[in-house]
């Protein structure tokens, strides 16, 4: 992978990290924070439903953020673009479509 490609992937991943951190922050998560809900709200079932939705979305965002941060660590370590399972090169097209990919197509589908 060329330096230009590596730099482009790094920029994409850093932008995605910033976006994800912002979305988590908007939900009230981040830096150990948990969202707060009005305990005096009249419809506690609605609060419970909203809390469940927010927690599910935050969980998905946090999982994606962990994948992005893992890809950035692999970039720093010089192992980005190498399948963590078999050591083969991950195709450029796969990395273009999914910059946080840590496995080649063969191992990602198993």
PDB file of N, CA and C in Angstrom:
ATOM      1  N   UNK A   1       0.847  -1.168   0.000  1.00  0.00           N
ATOM      2  CA  UNK A   1       0.000   0.000   0.000  1.00  0.00           C
ATOM      3  C   UNK A   1       0.896   1.237   0.000  1.00  0.00           C
ATOM      4  N   UNK A   2       0.559   2.193  -0.845  1.00  0.00           N
ATOM      5  CA  UNK A   2       1.381   3.394  -0.961  1.00  0.00           C
ATOM      6  C   UNK A   2       1.160   4.325   0.239  1.00  0.00           C
ATOM      7  N   UNK A   3       2.103   5.227   0.436  1.00  0.00           N
ATOM      8  CA  UNK A   3       1.987   6.214   1.509  1.00  0.00           C
ATOM      9  C   UNK A   3       0.751   7.079   1.297  1.00  0.00           C
ATOM     10  N   UNK A   4       0.466   7.409   0.053  1.00  0.00           N
ATOM     11  CA  UNK A   4      -0.713   8.219  -0.263  1.00  0.00           C
ATOM     12  C   UNK A   4      -1.996   7.492   0.140  1.00  0.00           C
ATOM     13  N   UNK A   5      -2.077   6.202  -0.164  1.00  0.00           N
ATOM     14  CA  UNK A   5      -3.253   5.407   0.218  1.00  0.00           C
ATOM     15  C   UNK A   5      -3.368   5.312   1.739  1.00  0.00           C
ATOM     16  N   UNK A   6      -2.241   5.082   2.385  1.00  0.00           N
ATOM     17  CA  UNK A   6      -2.230   4.981   3.844  1.00  0.00           C
ATOM     18  C   UNK A   6      -2.709   6.285   4.473  1.00  0.00           C
ATOM     19  N   UNK A   7      -2.208   7.403   3.973  1.00  0.00           N
ATOM     20  CA  UNK A   7      -2.622   8.705   4.505  1.00  0.00           C
ATOM     21  C   UNK A   7      -4.109   8.961   4.272  1.00  0.00           C
ATOM     22  N   UNK A   8      -4.606   8.559   3.112  1.00  0.00           N
ATOM     23  CA  UNK A   8      -6.029   8.734   2.814  1.00  0.00           C
ATOM     24  C   UNK A   8      -6.881   7.898   3.758  1.00  0.00           C
ATOM     25  N   UNK A   9      -6.466   6.653   4.016  1.00  0.00           N
ATOM     26  CA  UNK A   9      -7.216   5.800   4.941  1.00  0.00           C
ATOM     27  C   UNK A   9      -7.157   6.372   6.356  1.00  0.00           C
ATOM     28  N   UNK A  10      -6.001   6.870   6.759  1.00  0.00           N
ATOM     29  CA  UNK A  10      -5.868   7.465   8.097  1.00  0.00           C
ATOM     30  C   UNK A  10      -6.832   8.648   8.232  1.00  0.00           C
ATOM     31  N   UNK A  11      -6.883   9.500   7.231  1.00  0.00           N
ATOM     32  CA  UNK A  11      -7.765  10.667   7.292  1.00  0.00           C
ATOM     33  C   UNK A  11      -9.231  10.241   7.365  1.00  0.00           C
ATOM     34  N   UNK A  12      -9.599   9.262   6.567  1.00  0.00           N
ATOM     35  CA  UNK A  12     -10.970   8.744   6.590  1.00  0.00           C
ATOM     36  C   UNK A  12     -11.316   8.197   7.970  1.00  0.00           C
ATOM     37  N   UNK A  13     -10.399   7.430   8.540  1.00  0.00           N
ATOM     38  CA  UNK A  13     -10.633   6.832   9.860  1.00  0.00           C
ATOM     39  C   UNK A  13     -10.691   7.895  10.956  1.00  0.00           C
ATOM     40  N   UNK A  14      -9.823   8.888  10.887  1.00  0.00           N
ATOM     41  CA  UNK A  14      -9.846   9.951  11.894  1.00  0.00           C
ATOM     42  C   UNK A  14     -11.134  10.764  11.798  1.00  0.00           C
ATOM     43  N   UNK A  15     -11.603  11.019  10.572  1.00  0.00           N
ATOM     44  CA  UNK A  15     -12.874  11.725  10.394  1.00  0.00           C
ATOM     45  C   UNK A  15     -14.029  10.909  10.961  1.00  0.00           C
ATOM     46  N   UNK A  16     -13.998   9.606  10.721  1.00  0.00           N
ATOM     47  CA  UNK A  16     -15.046   8.727  11.232  1.00  0.00           C
ATOM     48  C   UNK A  16     -15.008   8.687  12.755  1.00  0.00           C
ATOM     49  N   UNK A  17     -13.818   8.650  13.327  1.00  0.00           N
ATOM     50  CA  UNK A  17     -13.698   8.658  14.796  1.00  0.00           C
ATOM     51  C   UNK A  17     -14.312   9.939  15.363  1.00  0.00           C
ATOM     52  N   UNK A  18     -14.010  11.067  14.758  1.00  0.00           N
ATOM     53  CA  UNK A  18     -14.559  12.344  15.217  1.00  0.00           C
ATOM     54  C   UNK A  18     -16.083  12.340  15.134  1.00  0.00           C
ATOM     55  N   UNK A  19     -16.623  11.817  14.029  1.00  0.00           N
ATOM     56  CA  UNK A  19     -18.072  11.751  13.853  1.00  0.00           C
ATOM     57  C   UNK A  19     -18.717  10.867  14.918  1.00  0.00           C
ATOM     58  N   UNK A  20     -18.118   9.704  15.161  1.00  0.00           N
ATOM     59  CA  UNK A  20     -18.678   8.763  16.137  1.00  0.00           C
ATOM     60  C   UNK A  20     -18.623   9.319  17.555  1.00  0.00           C
ATOM     61  N   UNK A  21     -17.516   9.936  17.911  1.00  0.00           N
ATOM     62  CA  UNK A  21     -17.393  10.538  19.242  1.00  0.00           C
ATOM     63  C   UNK A  21     -18.447  11.633  19.407  1.00  0.00           C
ATOM     64  N   UNK A  22     -18.660  12.415  18.348  1.00  0.00           N
ATOM     65  CA  UNK A  22     -19.678  13.462  18.391  1.00  0.00           C
ATOM     66  C   UNK A  22     -21.079  12.896  18.567  1.00  0.00           C
ATOM     67  N   UNK A  23     -21.395  11.835  17.849  1.00  0.00           N
ATOM     68  CA  UNK A  23     -22.715  11.215  17.975  1.00  0.00           C
ATOM     69  C   UNK A  23     -22.918  10.628  19.368  1.00  0.00           C
ATOM     70  N   UNK A  24     -21.890   9.987  19.892  1.00  0.00           N
ATOM     71  CA  UNK A  24     -21.992   9.455  21.257  1.00  0.00           C
ATOM     72  C   UNK A  24     -22.184  10.587  22.262  1.00  0.00           C
ATOM     73  N   UNK A  25     -21.472  11.661  22.056  1.00  0.00           N
ATOM     74  CA  UNK A  25     -21.608  12.817  22.937  1.00  0.00           C
ATOM     75  C   UNK A  25     -23.017  13.402  22.853  1.00  0.00           C
ATOM     76  N   UNK A  26     -23.553  13.483  21.639  1.00  0.00           N
ATOM     77  CA  UNK A  26     -24.919  13.988  21.456  1.00  0.00           C
ATOM     78  C   UNK A  26     -25.939  13.124  22.193  1.00  0.00           C
ATOM     79  N   UNK A  27     -25.649  11.837  22.315  1.00  0.00           N
ATOM     80  CA  UNK A  27     -26.533  10.924  23.039  1.00  0.00           C
ATOM     81  C   UNK A  27     -26.304  10.972  24.547  1.00  0.00           C
ATOM     82  N   UNK A  28     -25.262  11.709  24.955  1.00  0.00           N
ATOM     83  CA  UNK A  28     -24.955  11.806  26.377  1.00  0.00           C
ATOM     84  C   UNK A  28     -23.911  10.820  26.848  1.00  0.00           C
ATOM     85  N   UNK A  29     -23.274  10.129  25.898  1.00  0.00           N
ATOM     86  CA  UNK A  29     -22.237   9.150  26.233  1.00  0.00           C
ATOM     87  C   UNK A  29     -20.868   9.737  25.915  1.00  0.00           C
ATOM     88  N   UNK A  30     -19.872   9.142  26.472  1.00  0.00           N
ATOM     89  CA  UNK A  30     -18.500   9.548  26.197  1.00  0.00           C
ATOM     90  C   UNK A  30     -17.805   9.966  27.470  1.00  0.00           C
ATOM     91  N   UNK A  31     -16.517   9.747  27.498  1.00  0.00           N
ATOM     92  CA  UNK A  31     -15.705  10.091  28.677  1.00  0.00           C
ATOM     93  C   UNK A  31     -16.360   9.595  29.968  1.00  0.00           C
ATOM     94  N   UNK A  32     -16.897   8.375  29.904  1.00  0.00           N
ATOM     95  CA  UNK A  32     -17.492   7.766  31.096  1.00  0.00           C
ATOM     96  C   UNK A  32     -18.874   8.288  31.425  1.00  0.00           C
ATOM     97  N   UNK A  33     -19.387   9.200  30.616  1.00  0.00           N
ATOM     98  CA  UNK A  33     -20.687   9.788  30.902  1.00  0.00           C
ATOM     99  C   UNK A  33     -21.832   8.907  30.451  1.00  0.00           C
ATOM    100  N   UNK A  34     -22.886   8.966  31.194  1.00  0.00           N
ATOM    101  CA  UNK A  34     -24.104   8.255  30.833  1.00  0.00           C
ATOM    102  C   UNK A  34     -25.199   9.299  30.646  1.00  0.00           C
ATOM    103  N   UNK A  35     -26.144   9.033  29.772  1.00  0.00           N
ATOM    104  CA  UNK A  35     -27.202  10.009  29.558  1.00  0.00           C
ATOM    105  C   UNK A  35     -28.075  10.150  30.794  1.00  0.00           C
ATOM    106  N   UNK A  36     -28.652  11.331  30.951  1.00  0.00           N
ATOM    107  CA  UNK A  36     -29.561  11.534  32.079  1.00  0.00           C
ATOM    108  C   UNK A  36     -30.982  11.647  31.546  1.00  0.00           C
ATOM    109  N   UNK A  37     -31.900  11.150  32.312  1.00  0.00           N
ATOM    110  CA  UNK A  37     -33.304  11.185  31.952  1.00  0.00           C
ATOM    111  C   UNK A  37     -34.060  11.852  33.086  1.00  0.00           C
ATOM    112  N   UNK A  38     -35.091  12.579  32.741  1.00  0.00           N
ATOM    113  CA  UNK A  38     -35.911  13.278  33.724  1.00  0.00           C
ATOM    114  C   UNK A  38     -36.684  12.266  34.552  1.00  0.00           C
ATOM    115  N   UNK A  39     -36.340  12.154  35.836  1.00  0.00           N
ATOM    116  CA  UNK A  39     -36.997  11.170  36.702  1.00  0.00           C
ATOM    117  C   UNK A  39     -38.434  11.572  37.006  1.00  0.00           C
ATOM    118  N   UNK A  40     -38.791  12.812  36.757  1.00  0.00           N
ATOM    119  CA  UNK A  40     -40.158  13.274  37.011  1.00  0.00           C
ATOM    120  C   UNK A  40     -41.039  13.172  35.772  1.00  0.00           C
ATOM    121  N   UNK A  41     -40.506  12.619  34.724  1.00  0.00           N
ATOM    122  CA  UNK A  41     -41.268  12.500  33.486  1.00  0.00           C
ATOM    123  C   UNK A  41     -42.498  11.641  33.743  1.00  0.00           C
ATOM    124  N   UNK A  42     -43.654  12.096  33.257  1.00  0.00           N
ATOM    125  CA  UNK A  42     -44.928  11.450  33.568  1.00  0.00           C
ATOM    126  C   UNK A  42     -45.046  10.035  33.008  1.00  0.00           C
ATOM    127  N   UNK A  43     -44.489   9.791  31.842  1.00  0.00           N
ATOM    128  CA  UNK A  43     -44.659   8.486  31.194  1.00  0.00           C
ATOM    129  C   UNK A  43     -43.359   7.699  31.297  1.00  0.00           C
ATOM    130  N   UNK A  44     -43.225   6.947  32.375  1.00  0.00           N
ATOM    131  CA  UNK A  44     -41.979   6.219  32.586  1.00  0.00           C
ATOM    132  C   UNK A  44     -41.752   5.140  31.530  1.00  0.00           C
ATOM    133  N   UNK A  45     -42.810   4.616  30.938  1.00  0.00           N
ATOM    134  CA  UNK A  45     -42.614   3.618  29.886  1.00  0.00           C
ATOM    135  C   UNK A  45     -41.978   4.254  28.658  1.00  0.00           C
ATOM    136  N   UNK A  46     -42.321   5.513  28.387  1.00  0.00           N
ATOM    137  CA  UNK A  46     -41.683   6.207  27.270  1.00  0.00           C
ATOM    138  C   UNK A  46     -40.216   6.463  27.583  1.00  0.00           C
ATOM    139  N   UNK A  47     -39.916   6.848  28.804  1.00  0.00           N
ATOM    140  CA  UNK A  47     -38.521   7.064  29.210  1.00  0.00           C
ATOM    141  C   UNK A  47     -37.742   5.771  29.066  1.00  0.00           C
ATOM    142  N   UNK A  48     -38.326   4.667  29.495  1.00  0.00           N
ATOM    143  CA  UNK A  48     -37.667   3.371  29.395  1.00  0.00           C
ATOM    144  C   UNK A  48     -37.415   3.004  27.942  1.00  0.00           C
ATOM    145  N   UNK A  49     -38.409   3.242  27.088  1.00  0.00           N
ATOM    146  CA  UNK A  49     -38.248   2.946  25.661  1.00  0.00           C
ATOM    147  C   UNK A  49     -37.164   3.814  25.047  1.00  0.00           C
ATOM    148  N   UNK A  50     -37.177   5.116  25.367  1.00  0.00           N
ATOM    149  CA  UNK A  50     -36.162   6.016  24.832  1.00  0.00           C
ATOM    150  C   UNK A  50     -34.772   5.637  25.322  1.00  0.00           C
ATOM    151  N   UNK A  51     -34.678   5.274  26.575  1.00  0.00           N
ATOM    152  CA  UNK A  51     -33.393   4.856  27.142  1.00  0.00           C
ATOM    153  C   UNK A  51     -32.881   3.614  26.431  1.00  0.00           C
ATOM    154  N   UNK A  52     -33.776   2.652  26.185  1.00  0.00           N
ATOM    155  CA  UNK A  52     -33.382   1.430  25.493  1.00  0.00           C
ATOM    156  C   UNK A  52     -32.892   1.708  24.085  1.00  0.00           C
ATOM    157  N   UNK A  53     -33.599   2.579  23.380  1.00  0.00           N
ATOM    158  CA  UNK A  53     -33.184   2.942  22.018  1.00  0.00           C
ATOM    159  C   UNK A  53     -31.831   3.643  22.030  1.00  0.00           C
ATOM    160  N   UNK A  54     -31.666   4.588  22.955  1.00  0.00           N
ATOM    161  CA  UNK A  54     -30.398   5.321  23.043  1.00  0.00           C
ATOM    162  C   UNK A  54     -29.247   4.392  23.391  1.00  0.00           C
ATOM    163  N   UNK A  55     -29.490   3.455  24.306  1.00  0.00           N
ATOM    164  CA  UNK A  55     -28.442   2.522  24.701  1.00  0.00           C
ATOM    165  C   UNK A  55     -28.071   1.585  23.558  1.00  0.00           C
ATOM    166  N   UNK A  56     -29.058   1.151  22.780  1.00  0.00           N
ATOM    167  CA  UNK A  56     -28.783   0.274  21.636  1.00  0.00           C
ATOM    168  C   UNK A  56     -27.969   1.022  20.587  1.00  0.00           C
ATOM    169  N   UNK A  57     -28.367   2.251  20.279  1.00  0.00           N
ATOM    170  CA  UNK A  57     -27.640   3.048  19.299  1.00  0.00           C
ATOM    171  C   UNK A  57     -26.230   3.346  19.797  1.00  0.00           C
ATOM    172  N   UNK A  58     -26.107   3.710  21.070  1.00  0.00           N
ATOM    173  CA  UNK A  58     -24.790   3.998  21.635  1.00  0.00           C
ATOM    174  C   UNK A  58     -23.900   2.764  21.590  1.00  0.00           C
ATOM    175  N   UNK A  59     -24.476   1.596  21.824  1.00  0.00           N
ATOM    176  CA  UNK A  59     -23.692   0.359  21.760  1.00  0.00           C
ATOM    177  C   UNK A  59     -23.150   0.111  20.363  1.00  0.00           C
ATOM    178  N   UNK A  60     -23.994   0.341  19.357  1.00  0.00           N
ATOM    179  CA  UNK A  60     -23.546   0.176  17.967  1.00  0.00           C
ATOM    180  C   UNK A  60     -22.463   1.189  17.613  1.00  0.00           C
ATOM    181  N   UNK A  61     -22.671   2.436  18.027  1.00  0.00           N
ATOM    182  CA  UNK A  61     -21.678   3.472  17.747  1.00  0.00           C
ATOM    183  C   UNK A  61     -20.350   3.167  18.444  1.00  0.00           C
ATOM    184  N   UNK A  62     -20.420   2.708  19.689  1.00  0.00           N
ATOM    185  CA  UNK A  62     -19.209   2.384  20.442  1.00  0.00           C
ATOM    186  C   UNK A  62     -18.464   1.215  19.803  1.00  0.00           C
ATOM    187  N   UNK A  63     -19.210   0.242  19.294  1.00  0.00           N
ATOM    188  CA  UNK A  63     -18.579  -0.906  18.625  1.00  0.00           C
ATOM    189  C   UNK A  63     -17.862  -0.455  17.346  1.00  0.00           C
ATOM    190  N   UNK A  64     -18.522   0.394  16.586  1.00  0.00           N
ATOM    191  CA  UNK A  64     -17.891   0.920  15.371  1.00  0.00           C
ATOM    192  C   UNK A  64     -16.676   1.765  15.724  1.00  0.00           C
ATOM    193  N   UNK A  65     -16.789   2.571  16.774  1.00  0.00           N
ATOM    194  CA  UNK A  65     -15.657   3.386  17.220  1.00  0.00           C
ATOM    195  C   UNK A  65     -14.479   2.500  17.607  1.00  0.00           C
ATOM    196  N   UNK A  66     -14.731   1.397  18.285  1.00  0.00           N
ATOM    197  CA  UNK A  66     -13.655   0.471  18.657  1.00  0.00           C
ATOM    198  C   UNK A  66     -12.985  -0.099  17.405  1.00  0.00           C
ATOM    199  N   UNK A  67     -13.772  -0.407  16.373  1.00  0.00           N
ATOM    200  CA  UNK A  67     -13.212  -0.912  15.118  1.00  0.00           C
ATOM    201  C   UNK A  67     -12.335   0.149  14.451  1.00  0.00           C
ATOM    202  N   UNK A  68     -12.815   1.387  14.459  1.00  0.00           N
ATOM    203  CA  UNK A  68     -12.049   2.494  13.860  1.00  0.00           C
ATOM    204  C   UNK A  68     -10.747   2.701  14.621  1.00  0.00           C
ATOM    205  N   UNK A  69     -10.818   2.707  15.933  1.00  0.00           N
ATOM    206  CA  UNK A  69      -9.607   2.894  16.735  1.00  0.00           C
ATOM    207  C   UNK A  69      -8.641   1.732  16.551  1.00  0.00           C
ATOM    208  N   UNK A  70      -9.160   0.533  16.375  1.00  0.00           N
ATOM    209  CA  UNK A  70      -8.306  -0.622  16.091  1.00  0.00           C
ATOM    210  C   UNK A  70      -7.575  -0.443  14.769  1.00  0.00           C
ATOM    211  N   UNK A  71      -8.287   0.055  13.761  1.00  0.00           N
ATOM    212  CA  UNK A  71      -7.653   0.297  12.460  1.00  0.00           C
ATOM    213  C   UNK A  71      -6.570   1.363  12.574  1.00  0.00           C
ATOM    214  N   UNK A  72      -6.818   2.394  13.351  1.00  0.00           N
ATOM    215  CA  UNK A  72      -5.799   3.439  13.547  1.00  0.00           C
ATOM    216  C   UNK A  72      -4.582   2.878  14.275  1.00  0.00           C
ATOM    217  N   UNK A  73      -4.803   1.981  15.236  1.00  0.00           N
ATOM    218  CA  UNK A  73      -3.668   1.336  15.922  1.00  0.00           C
ATOM    219  C   UNK A  73      -2.866   0.482  14.942  1.00  0.00           C
ATOM    220  N   UNK A  74      -3.572  -0.221  14.040  1.00  0.00           N
ATOM    221  CA  UNK A  74      -2.866  -1.034  13.035  1.00  0.00           C
ATOM    222  C   UNK A  74      -2.073  -0.141  12.083  1.00  0.00           C
ATOM    223  N   UNK A  75      -2.617   1.014  11.748  1.00  0.00           N
ATOM    224  CA  UNK A  75      -1.860   1.962  10.915  1.00  0.00           C
ATOM    225  C   UNK A  75      -0.575   2.366  11.630  1.00  0.00           C
ATOM    226  N   UNK A  76      -0.694   2.701  12.915  1.00  0.00           N
ATOM    227  CA  UNK A  76       0.481   3.113  13.699  1.00  0.00           C
ATOM    228  C   UNK A  76       1.497   1.988  13.817  1.00  0.00           C
ATOM    229  N   UNK A  77       1.013   0.751  13.909  1.00  0.00           N
ATOM    230  CA  UNK A  77       1.893  -0.406  14.076  1.00  0.00           C
ATOM    231  C   UNK A  77       2.467  -0.915  12.751  1.00  0.00           C
ATOM    232  N   UNK A  78       1.928  -0.404  11.640  1.00  0.00           N
ATOM    233  CA  UNK A  78       2.404  -0.852  10.333  1.00  0.00           C
ATOM    234  C   UNK A  78       1.780  -2.159   9.875  1.00  0.00           C
ATOM    235  N   UNK A  79       0.682  -2.572  10.517  1.00  0.00           N
ATOM    236  CA  UNK A  79       0.036  -3.828  10.137  1.00  0.00           C
ATOM    237  C   UNK A  79      -1.301  -3.602   9.437  1.00  0.00           C
ATOM    238  N   UNK A  80      -1.637  -2.366   9.173  1.00  0.00           N
ATOM    239  CA  UNK A  80      -2.896  -2.047   8.502  1.00  0.00           C
ATOM    240  C   UNK A  80      -2.887  -2.655   7.100  1.00  0.00           C
ATOM    241  N   UNK A  81      -4.013  -3.245   6.723  1.00  0.00           N
ATOM    242  CA  UNK A  81      -4.114  -3.851   5.401  1.00  0.00           C
ATOM    243  C   UNK A  81      -3.663  -5.296   5.356  1.00  0.00           C
ATOM    244  N   UNK A  82      -3.349  -5.862   6.530  1.00  0.00           N
ATOM    245  CA  UNK A  82      -2.938  -7.261   6.631  1.00  0.00           C
ATOM    246  C   UNK A  82      -3.990  -8.006   7.444  1.00  0.00           C
ATOM    247  N   UNK A  83      -4.449  -9.127   6.930  1.00  0.00           N
ATOM    248  CA  UNK A  83      -5.472  -9.928   7.612  1.00  0.00           C
ATOM    249  C   UNK A  83      -4.936 -10.404   8.963  1.00  0.00           C
ATOM    250  N   UNK A  84      -5.695 -10.149  10.006  1.00  0.00           N
ATOM    251  CA  UNK A  84      -5.289 -10.568  11.343  1.00  0.00           C
ATOM    252  C   UNK A  84      -5.338 -12.080  11.522  1.00  0.00           C
ATOM    253  N   UNK A  85      -6.050 -12.776  10.648  1.00  0.00           N
ATOM    254  CA  UNK A  85      -6.186 -14.224  10.767  1.00  0.00           C
ATOM    255  C   UNK A  85      -5.092 -14.967  10.011  1.00  0.00           C
ATOM    256  N   UNK A  86      -4.897 -14.599   8.737  1.00  0.00           N
ATOM    257  CA  UNK A  86      -3.962 -15.376   7.908  1.00  0.00           C
ATOM    258  C   UNK A  86      -2.710 -14.601   7.488  1.00  0.00           C
ATOM    259  N   UNK A  87      -2.694 -13.304   7.710  1.00  0.00           N
ATOM    260  CA  UNK A  87      -1.526 -12.500   7.347  1.00  0.00           C
ATOM    261  C   UNK A  87      -1.484 -12.073   5.897  1.00  0.00           C
ATOM    262  N   UNK A  88      -2.505 -12.445   5.115  1.00  0.00           N
ATOM    263  CA  UNK A  88      -2.547 -12.041   3.702  1.00  0.00           C
ATOM    264  C   UNK A  88      -2.930 -10.570   3.599  1.00  0.00           C
ATOM    265  N   UNK A  89      -2.584  -9.990   2.475  1.00  0.00           N
ATOM    266  CA  UNK A  89      -2.933  -8.592   2.229  1.00  0.00           C
ATOM    267  C   UNK A  89      -4.440  -8.477   2.005  1.00  0.00           C
ATOM    268  N   UNK A  90      -5.052  -7.485   2.633  1.00  0.00           N
ATOM    269  CA  UNK A  90      -6.464  -7.195   2.412  1.00  0.00           C
ATOM    270  C   UNK A  90      -6.551  -6.372   1.133  1.00  0.00           C
ATOM    271  N   UNK A  91      -7.435  -6.772   0.231  1.00  0.00           N
ATOM    272  CA  UNK A  91      -7.555  -6.089  -1.048  1.00  0.00           C
ATOM    273  C   UNK A  91      -7.870  -4.608  -0.869  1.00  0.00           C
ATOM    274  N   UNK A  92      -7.260  -3.797  -1.733  1.00  0.00           N
ATOM    275  CA  UNK A  92      -7.457  -2.347  -1.678  1.00  0.00           C
ATOM    276  C   UNK A  92      -8.930  -1.982  -1.809  1.00  0.00           C
ATOM    277  N   UNK A  93      -9.664  -2.714  -2.637  1.00  0.00           N
ATOM    278  CA  UNK A  93     -11.090  -2.438  -2.818  1.00  0.00           C
ATOM    279  C   UNK A  93     -11.862  -2.649  -1.517  1.00  0.00           C
ATOM    280  N   UNK A  94     -11.480  -3.650  -0.760  1.00  0.00           N
ATOM    281  CA  UNK A  94     -12.141  -3.914   0.529  1.00  0.00           C
ATOM    282  C   UNK A  94     -11.836  -2.788   1.506  1.00  0.00           C
ATOM    283  N   UNK A  95     -10.589  -2.360   1.555  1.00  0.00           N
ATOM    284  CA  UNK A  95     -10.225  -1.278   2.467  1.00  0.00           C
ATOM    285  C   UNK A  95     -10.872   0.041   2.061  1.00  0.00           C
ATOM    286  N   UNK A  96     -11.044   0.229   0.766  1.00  0.00           N
ATOM    287  CA  UNK A  96     -11.708   1.438   0.285  1.00  0.00           C
ATOM    288  C   UNK A  96     -13.168   1.446   0.743  1.00  0.00           C
ATOM    289  N   UNK A  97     -13.820   0.302   0.648  1.00  0.00           N
ATOM    290  CA  UNK A  97     -15.220   0.195   1.039  1.00  0.00           C
ATOM    291  C   UNK A  97     -15.393   0.150   2.557  1.00  0.00           C
ATOM    292  N   UNK A  98     -14.425  -0.451   3.239  1.00  0.00           N
ATOM    293  CA  UNK A  98     -14.513  -0.643   4.687  1.00  0.00           C
ATOM    294  C   UNK A  98     -13.134  -0.423   5.296  1.00  0.00           C
ATOM    295  N   UNK A  99     -12.759   0.836   5.518  1.00  0.00           N
ATOM    296  CA  UNK A  99     -11.397   1.154   5.980  1.00  0.00           C
ATOM    297  C   UNK A  99     -11.003   0.520   7.304  1.00  0.00           C
ATOM    298  N   UNK A 100     -11.973   0.101   8.111  1.00  0.00           N
ATOM    299  CA  UNK A 100     -11.624  -0.501   9.398  1.00  0.00           C
ATOM    300  C   UNK A 100     -11.499  -2.018   9.336  1.00  0.00           C
ATOM    301  N   UNK A 101     -11.569  -2.584   8.121  1.00  0.00           N
ATOM    302  CA  UNK A 101     -11.484  -4.041   7.966  1.00  0.00           C
ATOM    303  C   UNK A 101     -10.171  -4.572   8.545  1.00  0.00           C
ATOM    304  N   UNK A 102     -10.296  -5.654   9.301  1.00  0.00           N
ATOM    305  CA  UNK A 102      -9.108  -6.260   9.897  1.00  0.00           C
ATOM    306  C   UNK A 102      -8.841  -7.664   9.341  1.00  0.00           C
ATOM    307  N   UNK A 103      -9.751  -8.129   8.485  1.00  0.00           N
ATOM    308  CA  UNK A 103      -9.599  -9.454   7.895  1.00  0.00           C
ATOM    309  C   UNK A 103      -9.872  -9.423   6.394  1.00  0.00           C
ATOM    310  N   UNK A 104      -9.253 -10.335   5.708  1.00  0.00           N
ATOM    311  CA  UNK A 104      -9.507 -10.480   4.275  1.00  0.00           C
ATOM    312  C   UNK A 104     -10.939 -10.989   4.086  1.00  0.00           C
ATOM    313  N   UNK A 105     -11.425 -10.925   2.866  1.00  0.00           N
ATOM    314  CA  UNK A 105     -12.801 -11.362   2.567  1.00  0.00           C
ATOM    315  C   UNK A 105     -13.026 -12.807   3.017  1.00  0.00           C
ATOM    316  N   UNK A 106     -12.074 -13.674   2.753  1.00  0.00           N
ATOM    317  CA  UNK A 106     -12.242 -15.092   3.084  1.00  0.00           C
ATOM    318  C   UNK A 106     -12.480 -15.300   4.573  1.00  0.00           C
ATOM    319  N   UNK A 107     -11.746 -14.578   5.413  1.00  0.00           N
ATOM    320  CA  UNK A 107     -11.876 -14.781   6.859  1.00  0.00           C
ATOM    321  C   UNK A 107     -12.993 -13.932   7.465  1.00  0.00           C
ATOM    322  N   UNK A 108     -13.340 -12.840   6.830  1.00  0.00           N
ATOM    323  CA  UNK A 108     -14.437 -12.007   7.340  1.00  0.00           C
ATOM    324  C   UNK A 108     -15.771 -12.703   7.165  1.00  0.00           C
ATOM    325  N   UNK A 109     -15.862 -13.577   6.186  1.00  0.00           N
ATOM    326  CA  UNK A 109     -17.143 -14.237   5.910  1.00  0.00           C
ATOM    327  C   UNK A 109     -17.313 -15.547   6.673  1.00  0.00           C
ATOM    328  N   UNK A 110     -16.327 -15.922   7.475  1.00  0.00           N
ATOM    329  CA  UNK A 110     -16.455 -17.174   8.226  1.00  0.00           C
ATOM    330  C   UNK A 110     -16.926 -16.917   9.646  1.00  0.00           C
TER     331      UNK A 110
END
